Amino acid sequence: MDTSALNSQITQAVQFSNAQNSTAVPQMVRLGPEMMVETTTGLAVQDAAQYMNAIMQIAVAGQAVAIKLAAEGPKNEPTITELMQNIQKMVTESVTVYGNVAAAAGTANSTVIGDLGS
């Protein structure tokens, strides 16, 4: 193609840009299976985060109940300390679940994407 009528600097810049883009095509183009794997693992982590957030909201409500019970005075069962310990255990377990899901999703994502590249 004759480009002699065009500004040579513009032509050179376009050719350079095209060469750079061609070199980066493998990194820029996502394959269908890769997108599906990344979407699935992302959704799993998002669901785990939503679960953890829901537990946190329940924990706040539970703490409000424990504080109300403490304000009302001593009661036999359950004690305020037991309530707070159970709430803390619930929160800790939800954070652990989130961490496990996030780690497993990351490992699975990496493994599957790596296998697709083989």
PDB file of N, CA and C in Angstrom:
ATOM      1  N   MET A   1       0.845  -1.165   0.000  1.00  0.00           N
ATOM      2  CA  MET A   1       0.000   0.000   0.000  1.00  0.00           C
ATOM      3  C   MET A   1       0.897   1.237   0.000  1.00  0.00           C
ATOM      4  N   ASP A   2       0.608   2.146  -0.888  1.00  0.00           N
ATOM      5  CA  ASP A   2       1.397   3.365  -1.018  1.00  0.00           C
ATOM      6  C   ASP A   2       0.947   4.372   0.035  1.00  0.00           C
ATOM      7  N   THR A   3       1.865   4.758   0.910  1.00  0.00           N
ATOM      8  CA  THR A   3       1.562   5.746   1.953  1.00  0.00           C
ATOM      9  C   THR A   3       2.369   7.021   1.759  1.00  0.00           C
ATOM     10  N   SER A   4       2.932   7.214   0.562  1.00  0.00           N
ATOM     11  CA  SER A   4       3.803   8.365   0.318  1.00  0.00           C
ATOM     12  C   SER A   4       3.069   9.690   0.457  1.00  0.00           C
ATOM     13  N   ALA A   5       1.754   9.721   0.253  1.00  0.00           N
ATOM     14  CA  ALA A   5       0.998  10.969   0.370  1.00  0.00           C
ATOM     15  C   ALA A   5       0.706  11.325   1.828  1.00  0.00           C
ATOM     16  N   LEU A   6       0.935  10.396   2.741  1.00  0.00           N
ATOM     17  CA  LEU A   6       0.649  10.631   4.156  1.00  0.00           C
ATOM     18  C   LEU A   6       1.874  11.187   4.866  1.00  0.00           C
ATOM     19  N   ASN A   7       1.644  11.850   5.961  1.00  0.00           N
ATOM     20  CA  ASN A   7       2.727  12.363   6.784  1.00  0.00           C
ATOM     21  C   ASN A   7       3.542  11.175   7.288  1.00  0.00           C
ATOM     22  N   SER A   8       4.812  11.175   7.047  1.00  0.00           N
ATOM     23  CA  SER A   8       5.661  10.023   7.388  1.00  0.00           C
ATOM     24  C   SER A   8       5.732   9.772   8.895  1.00  0.00           C
ATOM     25  N   GLN A   9       5.694  10.815   9.692  1.00  0.00           N
ATOM     26  CA  GLN A   9       5.746  10.632  11.149  1.00  0.00           C
ATOM     27  C   GLN A   9       4.472   9.947  11.653  1.00  0.00           C
ATOM     28  N   ILE A  10       3.341  10.328  11.097  1.00  0.00           N
ATOM     29  CA  ILE A  10       2.079   9.695  11.493  1.00  0.00           C
ATOM     30  C   ILE A  10       2.081   8.237  11.064  1.00  0.00           C
ATOM     31  N   THR A  11       2.516   7.980   9.847  1.00  0.00           N
ATOM     32  CA  THR A  11       2.588   6.605   9.347  1.00  0.00           C
ATOM     33  C   THR A  11       3.505   5.770  10.226  1.00  0.00           C
ATOM     34  N   GLN A  12       4.644   6.318  10.584  1.00  0.00           N
ATOM     35  CA  GLN A  12       5.595   5.602  11.442  1.00  0.00           C
ATOM     36  C   GLN A  12       4.976   5.341  12.824  1.00  0.00           C
ATOM     37  N   ALA A  13       4.253   6.321  13.377  1.00  0.00           N
ATOM     38  CA  ALA A  13       3.629   6.152  14.688  1.00  0.00           C
ATOM     39  C   ALA A  13       2.565   5.060  14.651  1.00  0.00           C
ATOM     40  N   VAL A  14       1.771   5.026  13.573  1.00  0.00           N
ATOM     41  CA  VAL A  14       0.742   3.995  13.438  1.00  0.00           C
ATOM     42  C   VAL A  14       1.377   2.620  13.303  1.00  0.00           C
ATOM     43  N   GLN A  15       2.430   2.513  12.514  1.00  0.00           N
ATOM     44  CA  GLN A  15       3.118   1.234  12.345  1.00  0.00           C
ATOM     45  C   GLN A  15       3.713   0.761  13.669  1.00  0.00           C
ATOM     46  N   PHE A  16       4.301   1.688  14.427  1.00  0.00           N
ATOM     47  CA  PHE A  16       4.860   1.338  15.735  1.00  0.00           C
ATOM     48  C   PHE A  16       3.759   0.853  16.673  1.00  0.00           C
ATOM     49  N   SER A  17       2.653   1.588  16.702  1.00  0.00           N
ATOM     50  CA  SER A  17       1.524   1.215  17.563  1.00  0.00           C
ATOM     51  C   SER A  17       0.980  -0.160  17.187  1.00  0.00           C
ATOM     52  N   ASN A  18       0.837  -0.420  15.901  1.00  0.00           N
ATOM     53  CA  ASN A  18       0.348  -1.721  15.440  1.00  0.00           C
ATOM     54  C   ASN A  18       1.303  -2.843  15.838  1.00  0.00           C
ATOM     55  N   ALA A  19       2.595  -2.600  15.721  1.00  0.00           N
ATOM     56  CA  ALA A  19       3.586  -3.613  16.101  1.00  0.00           C
ATOM     57  C   ALA A  19       3.514  -3.903  17.597  1.00  0.00           C
ATOM     58  N   GLN A  20       3.364  -2.856  18.408  1.00  0.00           N
ATOM     59  CA  GLN A  20       3.273  -3.040  19.861  1.00  0.00           C
ATOM     60  C   GLN A  20       2.013  -3.823  20.223  1.00  0.00           C
ATOM     61  N   ASN A  21       0.901  -3.480  19.583  1.00  0.00           N
ATOM     62  CA  ASN A  21      -0.352  -4.191  19.843  1.00  0.00           C
ATOM     63  C   ASN A  21      -0.258  -5.652  19.428  1.00  0.00           C
ATOM     64  N   SER A  22       0.364  -5.924  18.298  1.00  0.00           N
ATOM     65  CA  SER A  22       0.509  -7.305  17.823  1.00  0.00           C
ATOM     66  C   SER A  22       1.320  -8.141  18.805  1.00  0.00           C
ATOM     67  N   THR A  23       2.339  -7.542  19.376  1.00  0.00           N
ATOM     68  CA  THR A  23       3.180  -8.243  20.344  1.00  0.00           C
ATOM     69  C   THR A  23       2.393  -8.586  21.615  1.00  0.00           C
ATOM     70  N   ALA A  24       1.474  -7.712  22.008  1.00  0.00           N
ATOM     71  CA  ALA A  24       0.743  -7.891  23.261  1.00  0.00           C
ATOM     72  C   ALA A  24      -0.579  -8.633  23.100  1.00  0.00           C
ATOM     73  N   VAL A  25      -0.920  -9.067  21.904  1.00  0.00           N
ATOM     74  CA  VAL A  25      -2.217  -9.715  21.667  1.00  0.00           C
ATOM     75  C   VAL A  25      -2.469 -10.883  22.626  1.00  0.00           C
ATOM     76  N   PRO A  26      -1.512 -11.784  22.842  1.00  0.00           N
ATOM     77  CA  PRO A  26      -1.809 -12.908  23.750  1.00  0.00           C
ATOM     78  C   PRO A  26      -2.214 -12.463  25.157  1.00  0.00           C
ATOM     79  N   GLN A  27      -1.641 -11.355  25.643  1.00  0.00           N
ATOM     80  CA  GLN A  27      -1.988 -10.878  26.976  1.00  0.00           C
ATOM     81  C   GLN A  27      -3.308 -10.104  26.972  1.00  0.00           C
ATOM     82  N   MET A  28      -3.672  -9.520  25.830  1.00  0.00           N
ATOM     83  CA  MET A  28      -4.883  -8.706  25.766  1.00  0.00           C
ATOM     84  C   MET A  28      -6.134  -9.527  25.486  1.00  0.00           C
ATOM     85  N   VAL A  29      -5.981 -10.640  24.800  1.00  0.00           N
ATOM     86  CA  VAL A  29      -7.137 -11.429  24.395  1.00  0.00           C
ATOM     87  C   VAL A  29      -7.404 -12.497  25.447  1.00  0.00           C
ATOM     88  N   ARG A  30      -8.632 -12.551  25.924  1.00  0.00           N
ATOM     89  CA  ARG A  30      -9.019 -13.553  26.903  1.00  0.00           C
ATOM     90  C   ARG A  30      -9.853 -14.609  26.186  1.00  0.00           C
ATOM     91  N   LEU A  31      -9.531 -15.846  26.413  1.00  0.00           N
ATOM     92  CA  LEU A  31     -10.272 -16.940  25.813  1.00  0.00           C
ATOM     93  C   LEU A  31     -11.546 -17.207  26.616  1.00  0.00           C
ATOM     94  N   GLY A  32     -12.553 -17.751  25.946  1.00  0.00           N
ATOM     95  CA  GLY A  32     -13.816 -18.065  26.606  1.00  0.00           C
ATOM     96  C   GLY A  32     -13.658 -18.885  27.865  1.00  0.00           C
ATOM     97  N   PRO A  33     -12.932 -20.013  27.816  1.00  0.00           N
ATOM     98  CA  PRO A  33     -12.767 -20.824  29.039  1.00  0.00           C
ATOM     99  C   PRO A  33     -12.080 -20.056  30.170  1.00  0.00           C
ATOM    100  N   GLU A  34     -11.085 -19.224  29.826  1.00  0.00           N
ATOM    101  CA  GLU A  34     -10.415 -18.438  30.867  1.00  0.00           C
ATOM    102  C   GLU A  34     -11.390 -17.463  31.523  1.00  0.00           C
ATOM    103  N   MET A  35     -12.209 -16.827  30.707  1.00  0.00           N
ATOM    104  CA  MET A  35     -13.190 -15.887  31.252  1.00  0.00           C
ATOM    105  C   MET A  35     -14.184 -16.610  32.155  1.00  0.00           C
ATOM    106  N   MET A  36     -14.595 -17.808  31.754  1.00  0.00           N
ATOM    107  CA  MET A  36     -15.547 -18.570  32.562  1.00  0.00           C
ATOM    108  C   MET A  36     -14.932 -18.960  33.904  1.00  0.00           C
ATOM    109  N   VAL A  37     -13.679 -19.404  33.883  1.00  0.00           N
ATOM    110  CA  VAL A  37     -13.006 -19.796  35.124  1.00  0.00           C
ATOM    111  C   VAL A  37     -12.853 -18.594  36.043  1.00  0.00           C
ATOM    112  N   GLU A  38     -12.400 -17.488  35.482  1.00  0.00           N
ATOM    113  CA  GLU A  38     -12.208 -16.295  36.307  1.00  0.00           C
ATOM    114  C   GLU A  38     -13.536 -15.779  36.855  1.00  0.00           C
ATOM    115  N   THR A  39     -14.587 -15.835  36.059  1.00  0.00           N
ATOM    116  CA  THR A  39     -15.897 -15.396  36.524  1.00  0.00           C
ATOM    117  C   THR A  39     -16.413 -16.298  37.628  1.00  0.00           C
ATOM    118  N   THR A  40     -16.271 -17.603  37.438  1.00  0.00           N
ATOM    119  CA  THR A  40     -16.758 -18.559  38.436  1.00  0.00           C
ATOM    120  C   THR A  40     -16.023 -18.400  39.758  1.00  0.00           C
ATOM    121  N   THR A  41     -14.708 -18.302  39.707  1.00  0.00           N
ATOM    122  CA  THR A  41     -13.951 -18.152  40.955  1.00  0.00           C
ATOM    123  C   THR A  41     -14.234 -16.795  41.591  1.00  0.00           C
ATOM    124  N   GLY A  42     -14.407 -15.777  40.769  1.00  0.00           N
ATOM    125  CA  GLY A  42     -14.756 -14.461  41.308  1.00  0.00           C
ATOM    126  C   GLY A  42     -16.097 -14.475  42.016  1.00  0.00           C
ATOM    127  N   LEU A  43     -17.067 -15.175  41.422  1.00  0.00           N
ATOM    128  CA  LEU A  43     -18.392 -15.278  42.045  1.00  0.00           C
ATOM    129  C   LEU A  43     -18.330 -16.054  43.360  1.00  0.00           C
ATOM    130  N   ALA A  44     -17.507 -17.089  43.402  1.00  0.00           N
ATOM    131  CA  ALA A  44     -17.360 -17.866  44.640  1.00  0.00           C
ATOM    132  C   ALA A  44     -16.810 -16.988  45.767  1.00  0.00           C
ATOM    133  N   VAL A  45     -15.805 -16.194  45.449  1.00  0.00           N
ATOM    134  CA  VAL A  45     -15.218 -15.302  46.456  1.00  0.00           C
ATOM    135  C   VAL A  45     -16.231 -14.225  46.864  1.00  0.00           C
ATOM    136  N   GLN A  46     -16.963 -13.710  45.889  1.00  0.00           N
ATOM    137  CA  GLN A  46     -17.978 -12.705  46.193  1.00  0.00           C
ATOM    138  C   GLN A  46     -19.067 -13.286  47.094  1.00  0.00           C
ATOM    139  N   ASP A  47     -19.504 -14.506  46.819  1.00  0.00           N
ATOM    140  CA  ASP A  47     -20.513 -15.152  47.670  1.00  0.00           C
ATOM    141  C   ASP A  47     -19.991 -15.348  49.090  1.00  0.00           C
ATOM    142  N   ALA A  48     -18.735 -15.743  49.210  1.00  0.00           N
ATOM    143  CA  ALA A  48     -18.142 -15.928  50.537  1.00  0.00           C
ATOM    144  C   ALA A  48     -18.063 -14.591  51.271  1.00  0.00           C
ATOM    145  N   ALA A  49     -17.751 -13.535  50.559  1.00  0.00           N
ATOM    146  CA  ALA A  49     -17.703 -12.201  51.179  1.00  0.00           C
ATOM    147  C   ALA A  49     -19.096 -11.771  51.633  1.00  0.00           C
ATOM    148  N   GLN A  50     -20.108 -12.056  50.826  1.00  0.00           N
ATOM    149  CA  GLN A  50     -21.474 -11.711  51.221  1.00  0.00           C
ATOM    150  C   GLN A  50     -21.909 -12.510  52.448  1.00  0.00           C
ATOM    151  N   TYR A  51     -21.518 -13.784  52.497  1.00  0.00           N
ATOM    152  CA  TYR A  51     -21.819 -14.617  53.663  1.00  0.00           C
ATOM    153  C   TYR A  51     -21.168 -14.018  54.909  1.00  0.00           C
ATOM    154  N   MET A  52     -19.887 -13.647  54.783  1.00  0.00           N
ATOM    155  CA  MET A  52     -19.166 -13.072  55.909  1.00  0.00           C
ATOM    156  C   MET A  52     -19.831 -11.772  56.355  1.00  0.00           C
ATOM    157  N   ASN A  53     -20.226 -10.925  55.413  1.00  0.00           N
ATOM    158  CA  ASN A  53     -20.891  -9.673  55.762  1.00  0.00           C
ATOM    159  C   ASN A  53     -22.228  -9.924  56.460  1.00  0.00           C
ATOM    160  N   ALA A  54     -22.969 -10.927  56.013  1.00  0.00           N
ATOM    161  CA  ALA A  54     -24.236 -11.268  56.661  1.00  0.00           C
ATOM    162  C   ALA A  54     -23.999 -11.706  58.102  1.00  0.00           C
ATOM    163  N   ILE A  55     -22.963 -12.512  58.315  1.00  0.00           N
ATOM    164  CA  ILE A  55     -22.629 -12.954  59.677  1.00  0.00           C
ATOM    165  C   ILE A  55     -22.252 -11.752  60.538  1.00  0.00           C
ATOM    166  N   MET A  56     -21.524 -10.811  59.955  1.00  0.00           N
ATOM    167  CA  MET A  56     -21.143  -9.610  60.707  1.00  0.00           C
ATOM    168  C   MET A  56     -22.390  -8.829  61.132  1.00  0.00           C
ATOM    169  N   GLN A  57     -23.377  -8.751  60.257  1.00  0.00           N
ATOM    170  CA  GLN A  57     -24.618  -8.049  60.607  1.00  0.00           C
ATOM    171  C   GLN A  57     -25.364  -8.777  61.726  1.00  0.00           C
ATOM    172  N   ILE A  58     -25.393 -10.102  61.640  1.00  0.00           N
ATOM    173  CA  ILE A  58     -26.020 -10.892  62.705  1.00  0.00           C
ATOM    174  C   ILE A  58     -25.263 -10.685  64.016  1.00  0.00           C
ATOM    175  N   ALA A  59     -23.942 -10.616  63.931  1.00  0.00           N
ATOM    176  CA  ALA A  59     -23.118 -10.419  65.129  1.00  0.00           C
ATOM    177  C   ALA A  59     -23.432  -9.084  65.793  1.00  0.00           C
ATOM    178  N   VAL A  60     -23.597  -8.048  64.987  1.00  0.00           N
ATOM    179  CA  VAL A  60     -23.926  -6.734  65.549  1.00  0.00           C
ATOM    180  C   VAL A  60     -25.272  -6.802  66.272  1.00  0.00           C
ATOM    181  N   ALA A  61     -26.240  -7.474  65.650  1.00  0.00           N
ATOM    182  CA  ALA A  61     -27.546  -7.627  66.292  1.00  0.00           C
ATOM    183  C   ALA A  61     -27.420  -8.429  67.588  1.00  0.00           C
ATOM    184  N   GLY A  62     -26.617  -9.482  67.555  1.00  0.00           N
ATOM    185  CA  GLY A  62     -26.396 -10.302  68.752  1.00  0.00           C
ATOM    186  C   GLY A  62     -25.733  -9.516  69.862  1.00  0.00           C
ATOM    187  N   GLN A  63     -24.798  -8.656  69.496  1.00  0.00           N
ATOM    188  CA  GLN A  63     -24.145  -7.825  70.505  1.00  0.00           C
ATOM    189  C   GLN A  63     -25.139  -6.857  71.134  1.00  0.00           C
ATOM    190  N   ALA A  64     -26.052  -6.346  70.320  1.00  0.00           N
ATOM    191  CA  ALA A  64     -27.074  -5.440  70.857  1.00  0.00           C
ATOM    192  C   ALA A  64     -27.943  -6.171  71.874  1.00  0.00           C
ATOM    193  N   VAL A  65     -28.300  -7.425  71.572  1.00  0.00           N
ATOM    194  CA  VAL A  65     -29.090  -8.224  72.510  1.00  0.00           C
ATOM    195  C   VAL A  65     -28.297  -8.467  73.792  1.00  0.00           C
ATOM    196  N   ALA A  66     -27.022  -8.802  73.652  1.00  0.00           N
ATOM    197  CA  ALA A  66     -26.186  -9.056  74.828  1.00  0.00           C
ATOM    198  C   ALA A  66     -26.076  -7.803  75.698  1.00  0.00           C
ATOM    199  N   ILE A  67     -25.931  -6.658  75.056  1.00  0.00           N
ATOM    200  CA  ILE A  67     -25.836  -5.398  75.812  1.00  0.00           C
ATOM    201  C   ILE A  67     -27.159  -5.111  76.524  1.00  0.00           C
ATOM    202  N   LYS A  68     -28.271  -5.379  75.858  1.00  0.00           N
ATOM    203  CA  LYS A  68     -29.594  -5.187  76.467  1.00  0.00           C
ATOM    204  C   LYS A  68     -29.737  -6.094  77.689  1.00  0.00           C
ATOM    205  N   LEU A  69     -29.335  -7.358  77.538  1.00  0.00           N
ATOM    206  CA  LEU A  69     -29.416  -8.291  78.668  1.00  0.00           C
ATOM    207  C   LEU A  69     -28.536  -7.834  79.820  1.00  0.00           C
ATOM    208  N   ALA A  70     -27.342  -7.322  79.487  1.00  0.00           N
ATOM    209  CA  ALA A  70     -26.436  -6.841  80.535  1.00  0.00           C
ATOM    210  C   ALA A  70     -27.045  -5.649  81.266  1.00  0.00           C
ATOM    211  N   ALA A  71     -27.729  -4.792  80.506  1.00  0.00           N
ATOM    212  CA  ALA A  71     -28.343  -3.615  81.120  1.00  0.00           C
ATOM    213  C   ALA A  71     -29.520  -3.992  82.023  1.00  0.00           C
ATOM    214  N   GLU A  72     -30.192  -5.089  81.706  1.00  0.00           N
ATOM    215  CA  GLU A  72     -31.345  -5.524  82.499  1.00  0.00           C
ATOM    216  C   GLU A  72     -30.936  -6.173  83.814  1.00  0.00           C
ATOM    217  N   GLY A  73     -29.693  -6.569  83.924  1.00  0.00           N
ATOM    218  CA  GLY A  73     -29.233  -7.166  85.166  1.00  0.00           C
ATOM    219  C   GLY A  73     -28.948  -8.645  85.018  1.00  0.00           C
ATOM    220  N   PRO A  74     -28.474  -9.277  86.092  1.00  0.00           N
ATOM    221  CA  PRO A  74     -28.069 -10.684  86.034  1.00  0.00           C
ATOM    222  C   PRO A  74     -29.238 -11.608  85.666  1.00  0.00           C
ATOM    223  N   LYS A  75     -28.920 -12.589  84.849  1.00  0.00           N
ATOM    224  CA  LYS A  75     -29.880 -13.621  84.456  1.00  0.00           C
ATOM    225  C   LYS A  75     -29.163 -14.964  84.580  1.00  0.00           C
ATOM    226  N   ASN A  76     -29.929 -16.021  84.604  1.00  0.00           N
ATOM    227  CA  ASN A  76     -29.331 -17.348  84.747  1.00  0.00           C
ATOM    228  C   ASN A  76     -28.689 -17.832  83.450  1.00  0.00           C
ATOM    229  N   GLU A  77     -29.459 -17.978  82.387  1.00  0.00           N
ATOM    230  CA  GLU A  77     -28.948 -18.542  81.126  1.00  0.00           C
ATOM    231  C   GLU A  77     -29.383 -17.694  79.965  1.00  0.00           C
ATOM    232  N   PRO A  78     -28.669 -17.527  78.935  1.00  0.00           N
ATOM    233  CA  PRO A  78     -27.217 -17.668  78.883  1.00  0.00           C
ATOM    234  C   PRO A  78     -26.550 -16.416  79.445  1.00  0.00           C
ATOM    235  N   THR A  79     -25.357 -16.558  79.870  1.00  0.00           N
ATOM    236  CA  THR A  79     -24.662 -15.394  80.415  1.00  0.00           C
ATOM    237  C   THR A  79     -24.217 -14.488  79.262  1.00  0.00           C
ATOM    238  N   ILE A  80     -23.997 -13.241  79.598  1.00  0.00           N
ATOM    239  CA  ILE A  80     -23.557 -12.258  78.607  1.00  0.00           C
ATOM    240  C   ILE A  80     -22.205 -12.684  78.018  1.00  0.00           C
ATOM    241  N   THR A  81     -21.338 -13.188  78.851  1.00  0.00           N
ATOM    242  CA  THR A  81     -20.020 -13.636  78.390  1.00  0.00           C
ATOM    243  C   THR A  81     -20.161 -14.756  77.374  1.00  0.00           C
ATOM    244  N   GLU A  82     -21.054 -15.709  77.662  1.00  0.00           N
ATOM    245  CA  GLU A  82     -21.274 -16.812  76.713  1.00  0.00           C
ATOM    246  C   GLU A  82     -21.813 -16.298  75.386  1.00  0.00           C
ATOM    247  N   LEU A  83     -22.764 -15.375  75.451  1.00  0.00           N
ATOM    248  CA  LEU A  83     -23.304 -14.797  74.215  1.00  0.00           C
ATOM    249  C   LEU A  83     -22.204 -14.139  73.387  1.00  0.00           C
ATOM    250  N   MET A  84     -21.394 -13.323  74.041  1.00  0.00           N
ATOM    251  CA  MET A  84     -20.335 -12.614  73.322  1.00  0.00           C
ATOM    252  C   MET A  84     -19.291 -13.600  72.765  1.00  0.00           C
ATOM    253  N   GLN A  85     -18.989 -14.638  73.514  1.00  0.00           N
ATOM    254  CA  GLN A  85     -18.036 -15.639  73.018  1.00  0.00           C
ATOM    255  C   GLN A  85     -18.603 -16.371  71.801  1.00  0.00           C
ATOM    256  N   ASN A  86     -19.889 -16.705  71.854  1.00  0.00           N
ATOM    257  CA  ASN A  86     -20.519 -17.381  70.717  1.00  0.00           C
ATOM    258  C   ASN A  86     -20.566 -16.466  69.482  1.00  0.00           C
ATOM    259  N   ILE A  87     -20.847 -15.203  69.718  1.00  0.00           N
ATOM    260  CA  ILE A  87     -20.850 -14.239  68.611  1.00  0.00           C
ATOM    261  C   ILE A  87     -19.457 -14.137  68.005  1.00  0.00           C
ATOM    262  N   GLN A  88     -18.445 -14.029  68.865  1.00  0.00           N
ATOM    263  CA  GLN A  88     -17.067 -13.926  68.366  1.00  0.00           C
ATOM    264  C   GLN A  88     -16.667 -15.182  67.591  1.00  0.00           C
ATOM    265  N   LYS A  89     -17.080 -16.344  68.093  1.00  0.00           N
ATOM    266  CA  LYS A  89     -16.776 -17.603  67.406  1.00  0.00           C
ATOM    267  C   LYS A  89     -17.432 -17.627  66.028  1.00  0.00           C
ATOM    268  N   MET A  90     -18.665 -17.170  65.938  1.00  0.00           N
ATOM    269  CA  MET A  90     -19.388 -17.131  64.674  1.00  0.00           C
ATOM    270  C   MET A  90     -18.672 -16.213  63.673  1.00  0.00           C
ATOM    271  N   VAL A  91     -18.233 -15.058  64.144  1.00  0.00           N
ATOM    272  CA  VAL A  91     -17.528 -14.115  63.280  1.00  0.00           C
ATOM    273  C   VAL A  91     -16.190 -14.705  62.830  1.00  0.00           C
ATOM    274  N   THR A  92     -15.450 -15.283  63.750  1.00  0.00           N
ATOM    275  CA  THR A  92     -14.151 -15.874  63.416  1.00  0.00           C
ATOM    276  C   THR A  92     -14.310 -16.984  62.377  1.00  0.00           C
ATOM    277  N   GLU A  93     -15.321 -17.822  62.555  1.00  0.00           N
ATOM    278  CA  GLU A  93     -15.555 -18.905  61.601  1.00  0.00           C
ATOM    279  C   GLU A  93     -15.932 -18.376  60.220  1.00  0.00           C
ATOM    280  N   SER A  94     -16.706 -17.290  60.167  1.00  0.00           N
ATOM    281  CA  SER A  94     -17.080 -16.741  58.860  1.00  0.00           C
ATOM    282  C   SER A  94     -15.872 -16.125  58.154  1.00  0.00           C
ATOM    283  N   VAL A  95     -14.989 -15.504  58.917  1.00  0.00           N
ATOM    284  CA  VAL A  95     -13.758 -14.952  58.328  1.00  0.00           C
ATOM    285  C   VAL A  95     -12.879 -16.084  57.809  1.00  0.00           C
ATOM    286  N   THR A  96     -12.821 -17.188  58.551  1.00  0.00           N
ATOM    287  CA  THR A  96     -12.056 -18.354  58.114  1.00  0.00           C
ATOM    288  C   THR A  96     -12.631 -18.942  56.829  1.00  0.00           C
ATOM    289  N   VAL A  97     -13.952 -19.049  56.771  1.00  0.00           N
ATOM    290  CA  VAL A  97     -14.605 -19.560  55.561  1.00  0.00           C
ATOM    291  C   VAL A  97     -14.255 -18.674  54.368  1.00  0.00           C
ATOM    292  N   TYR A  98     -14.348 -17.369  54.561  1.00  0.00           N
ATOM    293  CA  TYR A  98     -14.011 -16.441  53.479  1.00  0.00           C
ATOM    294  C   TYR A  98     -12.566 -16.645  53.028  1.00  0.00           C
ATOM    295  N   GLY A  99     -11.662 -16.712  53.979  1.00  0.00           N
ATOM    296  CA  GLY A  99     -10.246 -16.900  53.641  1.00  0.00           C
ATOM    297  C   GLY A  99     -10.007 -18.204  52.902  1.00  0.00           C
ATOM    298  N   ASN A 100     -10.652 -19.281  53.343  1.00  0.00           N
ATOM    299  CA  ASN A 100     -10.491 -20.579  52.684  1.00  0.00           C
ATOM    300  C   ASN A 100     -11.037 -20.556  51.264  1.00  0.00           C
ATOM    301  N   VAL A 101     -12.207 -19.955  51.089  1.00  0.00           N
ATOM    302  CA  VAL A 101     -12.806 -19.877  49.745  1.00  0.00           C
ATOM    303  C   VAL A 101     -11.927 -19.038  48.829  1.00  0.00           C
ATOM    304  N   ALA A 102     -11.467 -17.903  49.323  1.00  0.00           N
ATOM    305  CA  ALA A 102     -10.628 -17.029  48.503  1.00  0.00           C
ATOM    306  C   ALA A 102      -9.332 -17.736  48.103  1.00  0.00           C
ATOM    307  N   ALA A 103      -8.715 -18.431  49.039  1.00  0.00           N
ATOM    308  CA  ALA A 103      -7.466 -19.143  48.733  1.00  0.00           C
ATOM    309  C   ALA A 103      -7.721 -20.285  47.753  1.00  0.00           C
ATOM    310  N   ALA A 104      -8.775 -21.060  47.993  1.00  0.00           N
ATOM    311  CA  ALA A 104      -9.088 -22.175  47.096  1.00  0.00           C
ATOM    312  C   ALA A 104      -9.449 -21.676  45.705  1.00  0.00           C
ATOM    313  N   ALA A 105     -10.192 -20.589  45.635  1.00  0.00           N
ATOM    314  CA  ALA A 105     -10.568 -20.033  44.328  1.00  0.00           C
ATOM    315  C   ALA A 105      -9.334 -19.544  43.584  1.00  0.00           C
ATOM    316  N   GLY A 106      -8.444 -18.894  44.284  1.00  0.00           N
ATOM    317  CA  GLY A 106      -7.210 -18.423  43.644  1.00  0.00           C
ATOM    318  C   GLY A 106      -6.366 -19.567  43.125  1.00  0.00           C
ATOM    319  N   THR A 107      -6.232 -20.615  43.924  1.00  0.00           N
ATOM    320  CA  THR A 107      -5.457 -21.789  43.499  1.00  0.00           C
ATOM    321  C   THR A 107      -6.122 -22.483  42.322  1.00  0.00           C
ATOM    322  N   ALA A 108      -7.432 -22.668  42.402  1.00  0.00           N
ATOM    323  CA  ALA A 108      -8.155 -23.318  41.310  1.00  0.00           C
ATOM    324  C   ALA A 108      -8.066 -22.501  40.032  1.00  0.00           C
ATOM    325  N   ASN A 109      -8.234 -21.200  40.168  1.00  0.00           N
ATOM    326  CA  ASN A 109      -8.145 -20.318  39.011  1.00  0.00           C
ATOM    327  C   ASN A 109      -6.768 -20.443  38.361  1.00  0.00           C
ATOM    328  N   SER A 110      -5.745 -20.380  39.140  1.00  0.00           N
ATOM    329  CA  SER A 110      -4.373 -20.462  38.631  1.00  0.00           C
ATOM    330  C   SER A 110      -4.115 -21.815  37.974  1.00  0.00           C
ATOM    331  N   THR A 111      -4.575 -22.877  38.624  1.00  0.00           N
ATOM    332  CA  THR A 111      -4.355 -24.220  38.103  1.00  0.00           C
ATOM    333  C   THR A 111      -5.080 -24.438  36.769  1.00  0.00           C
ATOM    334  N   VAL A 112      -6.351 -24.062  36.715  1.00  0.00           N
ATOM    335  CA  VAL A 112      -7.131 -24.268  35.503  1.00  0.00           C
ATOM    336  C   VAL A 112      -6.601 -23.414  34.370  1.00  0.00           C
ATOM    337  N   ILE A 113      -6.312 -22.157  34.655  1.00  0.00           N
ATOM    338  CA  ILE A 113      -5.773 -21.261  33.611  1.00  0.00           C
ATOM    339  C   ILE A 113      -4.434 -21.814  33.129  1.00  0.00           C
ATOM    340  N   GLY A 114      -3.615 -22.300  34.046  1.00  0.00           N
ATOM    341  CA  GLY A 114      -2.333 -22.894  33.653  1.00  0.00           C
ATOM    342  C   GLY A 114      -2.525 -24.113  32.783  1.00  0.00           C
ATOM    343  N   ASP A 115      -3.498 -24.946  33.136  1.00  0.00           N
ATOM    344  CA  ASP A 115      -3.791 -26.150  32.338  1.00  0.00           C
ATOM    345  C   ASP A 115      -4.313 -25.776  30.947  1.00  0.00           C
ATOM    346  N   LEU A 116      -5.080 -24.689  30.872  1.00  0.00           N
ATOM    347  CA  LEU A 116      -5.581 -24.261  29.571  1.00  0.00           C
ATOM    348  C   LEU A 116      -4.444 -23.801  28.657  1.00  0.00           C
ATOM    349  N   GLY A 117      -3.407 -23.213  29.265  1.00  0.00           N
ATOM    350  CA  GLY A 117      -2.278 -22.743  28.469  1.00  0.00           C
ATOM    351  C   GLY A 117      -1.380 -23.863  27.976  1.00  0.00           C
ATOM    352  N   SER A 118      -1.516 -25.039  28.583  1.00  0.00           N
ATOM    353  CA  SER A 118      -0.643 -26.169  28.190  1.00  0.00           C
ATOM    354  C   SER A 118      -1.073 -26.792  26.890  1.00  0.00           C
TER     355      SER A 118
END
